[in-house]
Amino acid sequence: MLADAVGAGKTVAAIALIASNAKAARAAARAATDPRHSGATLVVAPCFCLKPVWKQLLEEFTSGLVLLVVEQLGDLKKLTVDQIRVADVVVVASELLYNVKEERDPEAYQTHLTELLGLAALPFIARGFM
């Protein structure tokens, strides 16, 4: 997109894209027959830039977008399906997806997700690039 240079505008460009599609995404979520459908954009980012970067820039450059920030498993467990359905942006710590912070139970996130979705197991996801 815009390379890896700090300050090159990658996050702001992504926010502009999200904001430009928010109205259509909300309409699609409302029209969906599946009650779990969400029009939210999922952003996976390192924990250190969730609130200081994504939250700050969303507030600075947009108005009216609903943001959910998930830094750890406890944050995810507090969310309801309805909260996620009405969100425009869900920013999740990449460390959560790879269980870096869940040292007591390294499979805590996957276990919670399979229970929430009513699945026996999650599809295989390749790991090891972090």
C-alpha atoms as a PDB file:
ATOM      1  CA  MET A   1       0.000   0.000   0.000  1.00  0.00           C
ATOM      2  CA  LEU A   2       2.299   2.784   1.186  1.00  0.00           C
ATOM      3  CA  ALA A   3       5.355   0.787   2.204  1.00  0.00           C
ATOM      4  CA  ASP A   4       6.547   0.615   5.769  1.00  0.00           C
ATOM      5  CA  ALA A   5       7.795   4.162   6.294  1.00  0.00           C
ATOM      6  CA  VAL A   6       6.661   5.633   9.600  1.00  0.00           C
ATOM      7  CA  GLY A   7       4.363   8.581   9.021  1.00  0.00           C
ATOM      8  CA  ALA A   8       3.662   7.712   5.384  1.00  0.00           C
ATOM      9  CA  GLY A   9      -0.077   7.745   6.004  1.00  0.00           C
ATOM     10  CA  LYS A  10      -0.876   4.018   5.947  1.00  0.00           C
ATOM     11  CA  THR A  11      -3.260   4.175   8.909  1.00  0.00           C
ATOM     12  CA  VAL A  12      -4.937   7.386   7.748  1.00  0.00           C
ATOM     13  CA  ALA A  13      -5.430   5.891   4.262  1.00  0.00           C
ATOM     14  CA  ALA A  14      -6.976   2.770   5.798  1.00  0.00           C
ATOM     15  CA  ILE A  15      -9.247   4.914   7.986  1.00  0.00           C
ATOM     16  CA  ALA A  16     -10.372   6.904   4.930  1.00  0.00           C
ATOM     17  CA  LEU A  17     -11.249   3.661   3.152  1.00  0.00           C
ATOM     18  CA  ILE A  18     -13.153   2.369   6.193  1.00  0.00           C
ATOM     19  CA  ALA A  19     -15.035   5.674   6.584  1.00  0.00           C
ATOM     20  CA  SER A  20     -15.951   5.798   2.896  1.00  0.00           C
ATOM     21  CA  ASN A  21     -17.532   2.336   3.129  1.00  0.00           C
ATOM     22  CA  ALA A  22     -19.101   2.628   6.609  1.00  0.00           C
ATOM     23  CA  LYS A  23     -22.614   3.597   5.454  1.00  0.00           C
ATOM     24  CA  ALA A  24     -22.850   0.693   2.997  1.00  0.00           C
ATOM     25  CA  ALA A  25     -21.380  -1.733   5.553  1.00  0.00           C
ATOM     26  CA  ARG A  26     -23.945  -0.677   8.174  1.00  0.00           C
ATOM     27  CA  ALA A  27     -26.778  -1.123   5.672  1.00  0.00           C
ATOM     28  CA  ALA A  28     -25.530  -4.597   4.727  1.00  0.00           C
ATOM     29  CA  ALA A  29     -25.329  -5.607   8.389  1.00  0.00           C
ATOM     30  CA  ARG A  30     -28.888  -4.394   9.048  1.00  0.00           C
ATOM     31  CA  ALA A  31     -30.210  -6.210   5.973  1.00  0.00           C
ATOM     32  CA  ALA A  32     -28.431  -9.489   6.768  1.00  0.00           C
ATOM     33  CA  THR A  33     -30.608 -12.423   7.734  1.00  0.00           C
ATOM     34  CA  ASP A  34     -27.832 -13.971   9.838  1.00  0.00           C
ATOM     35  CA  PRO A  35     -27.910 -12.190  13.222  1.00  0.00           C
ATOM     36  CA  ARG A  36     -24.134 -12.634  13.552  1.00  0.00           C
ATOM     37  CA  HIS A  37     -23.363 -10.610  10.406  1.00  0.00           C
ATOM     38  CA  SER A  38     -21.379  -7.459  11.077  1.00  0.00           C
ATOM     39  CA  GLY A  39     -20.383  -4.657   8.763  1.00  0.00           C
ATOM     40  CA  ALA A  40     -17.371  -3.897  10.940  1.00  0.00           C
ATOM     41  CA  THR A  41     -13.895  -3.707   9.508  1.00  0.00           C
ATOM     42  CA  LEU A  42     -11.467  -5.890  11.440  1.00  0.00           C
ATOM     43  CA  VAL A  43      -8.053  -4.358  12.028  1.00  0.00           C
ATOM     44  CA  VAL A  44      -5.317  -6.524  13.511  1.00  0.00           C
ATOM     45  CA  ALA A  45      -2.441  -4.457  14.850  1.00  0.00           C
ATOM     46  CA  PRO A  46       0.281  -4.664  17.478  1.00  0.00           C
ATOM     47  CA  CYS A  47      -0.967  -3.825  20.966  1.00  0.00           C
ATOM     48  CA  PHE A  48       1.283  -0.770  21.258  1.00  0.00           C
ATOM     49  CA  CYS A  49      -0.601   1.051  18.516  1.00  0.00           C
ATOM     50  CA  LEU A  50      -4.239   0.182  19.248  1.00  0.00           C
ATOM     51  CA  LYS A  51      -5.291   3.139  21.365  1.00  0.00           C
ATOM     52  CA  PRO A  52      -2.477   5.618  20.796  1.00  0.00           C
ATOM     53  CA  VAL A  53      -2.663   5.256  17.015  1.00  0.00           C
ATOM     54  CA  TRP A  54      -5.934   3.743  15.785  1.00  0.00           C
ATOM     55  CA  LYS A  55      -8.253   5.192  18.431  1.00  0.00           C
ATOM     56  CA  GLN A  56      -6.650   8.638  18.284  1.00  0.00           C
ATOM     57  CA  LEU A  57      -6.641   8.846  14.484  1.00  0.00           C
ATOM     58  CA  LEU A  58     -10.216   7.549  14.144  1.00  0.00           C
ATOM     59  CA  GLU A  59     -11.380  10.235  16.558  1.00  0.00           C
ATOM     60  CA  GLU A  60      -9.295  12.889  14.799  1.00  0.00           C
ATOM     61  CA  PHE A  61     -10.235  12.128  11.185  1.00  0.00           C
ATOM     62  CA  THR A  62     -13.783  10.719  11.416  1.00  0.00           C
ATOM     63  CA  SER A  63     -16.997  11.351  13.274  1.00  0.00           C
ATOM     64  CA  GLY A  64     -19.684   8.895  14.175  1.00  0.00           C
ATOM     65  CA  LEU A  65     -17.707   5.687  13.608  1.00  0.00           C
ATOM     66  CA  VAL A  66     -18.182   3.115  16.363  1.00  0.00           C
ATOM     67  CA  LEU A  67     -14.829   1.674  17.467  1.00  0.00           C
ATOM     68  CA  LEU A  68     -14.212  -1.412  19.599  1.00  0.00           C
ATOM     69  CA  VAL A  69     -10.706  -2.090  20.889  1.00  0.00           C
ATOM     70  CA  VAL A  70      -9.775  -5.620  21.963  1.00  0.00           C
ATOM     71  CA  GLU A  71      -6.417  -5.706  23.706  1.00  0.00           C
ATOM     72  CA  GLN A  72      -6.815  -8.972  25.591  1.00  0.00           C
ATOM     73  CA  LEU A  73      -9.128 -11.943  25.977  1.00  0.00           C
ATOM     74  CA  GLY A  74     -11.026 -10.253  28.822  1.00  0.00           C
ATOM     75  CA  ASP A  75     -11.987  -7.392  26.465  1.00  0.00           C
ATOM     76  CA  LEU A  76     -13.298  -9.887  23.921  1.00  0.00           C
ATOM     77  CA  LYS A  77     -15.325 -11.794  26.505  1.00  0.00           C
ATOM     78  CA  LYS A  78     -17.065  -8.565  27.578  1.00  0.00           C
ATOM     79  CA  LEU A  79     -18.335  -7.868  24.052  1.00  0.00           C
ATOM     80  CA  THR A  80     -21.718  -9.012  22.868  1.00  0.00           C
ATOM     81  CA  VAL A  81     -22.651 -10.006  19.339  1.00  0.00           C
ATOM     82  CA  ASP A  82     -24.870  -6.911  19.185  1.00  0.00           C
ATOM     83  CA  GLN A  83     -21.950  -4.625  20.077  1.00  0.00           C
ATOM     84  CA  ILE A  84     -19.860  -6.146  17.301  1.00  0.00           C
ATOM     85  CA  ARG A  85     -22.755  -5.941  14.830  1.00  0.00           C
ATOM     86  CA  VAL A  86     -23.116  -2.176  15.280  1.00  0.00           C
ATOM     87  CA  ALA A  87     -19.381  -1.458  15.316  1.00  0.00           C
ATOM     88  CA  ASP A  88     -17.751   0.121  12.301  1.00  0.00           C
ATOM     89  CA  VAL A  89     -14.212  -0.829  13.304  1.00  0.00           C
ATOM     90  CA  VAL A  90     -12.956  -3.604  15.573  1.00  0.00           C
ATOM     91  CA  VAL A  91      -9.269  -3.251  16.369  1.00  0.00           C
ATOM     92  CA  VAL A  92      -7.713  -6.401  17.824  1.00  0.00           C
ATOM     93  CA  ALA A  93      -4.239  -6.851  19.268  1.00  0.00           C
ATOM     94  CA  SER A  94      -2.259  -9.214  17.072  1.00  0.00           C
ATOM     95  CA  GLU A  95      -0.691 -10.636  20.225  1.00  0.00           C
ATOM     96  CA  LEU A  96      -4.114 -11.911  21.303  1.00  0.00           C
ATOM     97  CA  LEU A  97      -4.530 -13.959  18.153  1.00  0.00           C
ATOM     98  CA  TYR A  98      -1.236 -15.699  18.802  1.00  0.00           C
ATOM     99  CA  ASN A  99      -1.749 -16.090  22.562  1.00  0.00           C
ATOM    100  CA  VAL A 100       1.385 -14.135  23.431  1.00  0.00           C
ATOM    101  CA  LYS A 101      -0.259 -12.538  26.477  1.00  0.00           C
ATOM    102  CA  GLU A 102      -2.323 -15.538  27.573  1.00  0.00           C
ATOM    103  CA  GLU A 103       0.548 -17.410  29.224  1.00  0.00           C
ATOM    104  CA  ARG A 104      -1.643 -19.312  31.686  1.00  0.00           C
ATOM    105  CA  ASP A 105      -3.725 -20.879  28.927  1.00  0.00           C
ATOM    106  CA  PRO A 106      -2.073 -20.532  25.525  1.00  0.00           C
ATOM    107  CA  GLU A 107      -5.224 -21.738  23.753  1.00  0.00           C
ATOM    108  CA  ALA A 108      -7.596 -19.416  25.647  1.00  0.00           C
ATOM    109  CA  TYR A 109      -8.543 -17.293  22.645  1.00  0.00           C
ATOM    110  CA  GLN A 110      -9.149 -20.264  20.350  1.00  0.00           C
ATOM    111  CA  THR A 111     -11.171 -22.059  23.031  1.00  0.00           C
ATOM    112  CA  HIS A 112     -13.349 -19.000  23.588  1.00  0.00           C
ATOM    113  CA  LEU A 113     -13.865 -18.539  19.852  1.00  0.00           C
ATOM    114  CA  THR A 114     -14.846 -22.175  19.214  1.00  0.00           C
ATOM    115  CA  GLU A 115     -17.322 -22.081  22.114  1.00  0.00           C
ATOM    116  CA  LEU A 116     -18.786 -18.780  20.932  1.00  0.00           C
ATOM    117  CA  LEU A 117     -19.212 -20.080  17.385  1.00  0.00           C
ATOM    118  CA  GLY A 118     -20.446 -23.510  18.474  1.00  0.00           C
ATOM    119  CA  LEU A 119     -17.682 -25.316  16.588  1.00  0.00           C
ATOM    120  CA  ALA A 120     -15.833 -28.479  17.544  1.00  0.00           C
ATOM    121  CA  ALA A 121     -12.557 -26.944  16.337  1.00  0.00           C
ATOM    122  CA  LEU A 122     -11.282 -23.993  14.360  1.00  0.00           C
ATOM    123  CA  PRO A 123      -9.919 -24.457  10.855  1.00  0.00           C
ATOM    124  CA  PHE A 124      -6.128 -24.728  10.739  1.00  0.00           C
ATOM    125  CA  ILE A 125      -4.394 -21.344  10.718  1.00  0.00           C
ATOM    126  CA  ALA A 126      -0.717 -21.263   9.839  1.00  0.00           C
ATOM    127  CA  ARG A 127       1.392 -19.766  12.611  1.00  0.00           C
ATOM    128  CA  GLY A 128       4.952 -18.810  13.066  1.00  0.00           C
ATOM    129  CA  PHE A 129       5.368 -15.546  11.193  1.00  0.00           C
ATOM    130  CA  MET A 130       5.342 -13.451  14.374  1.00  0.00           C
END
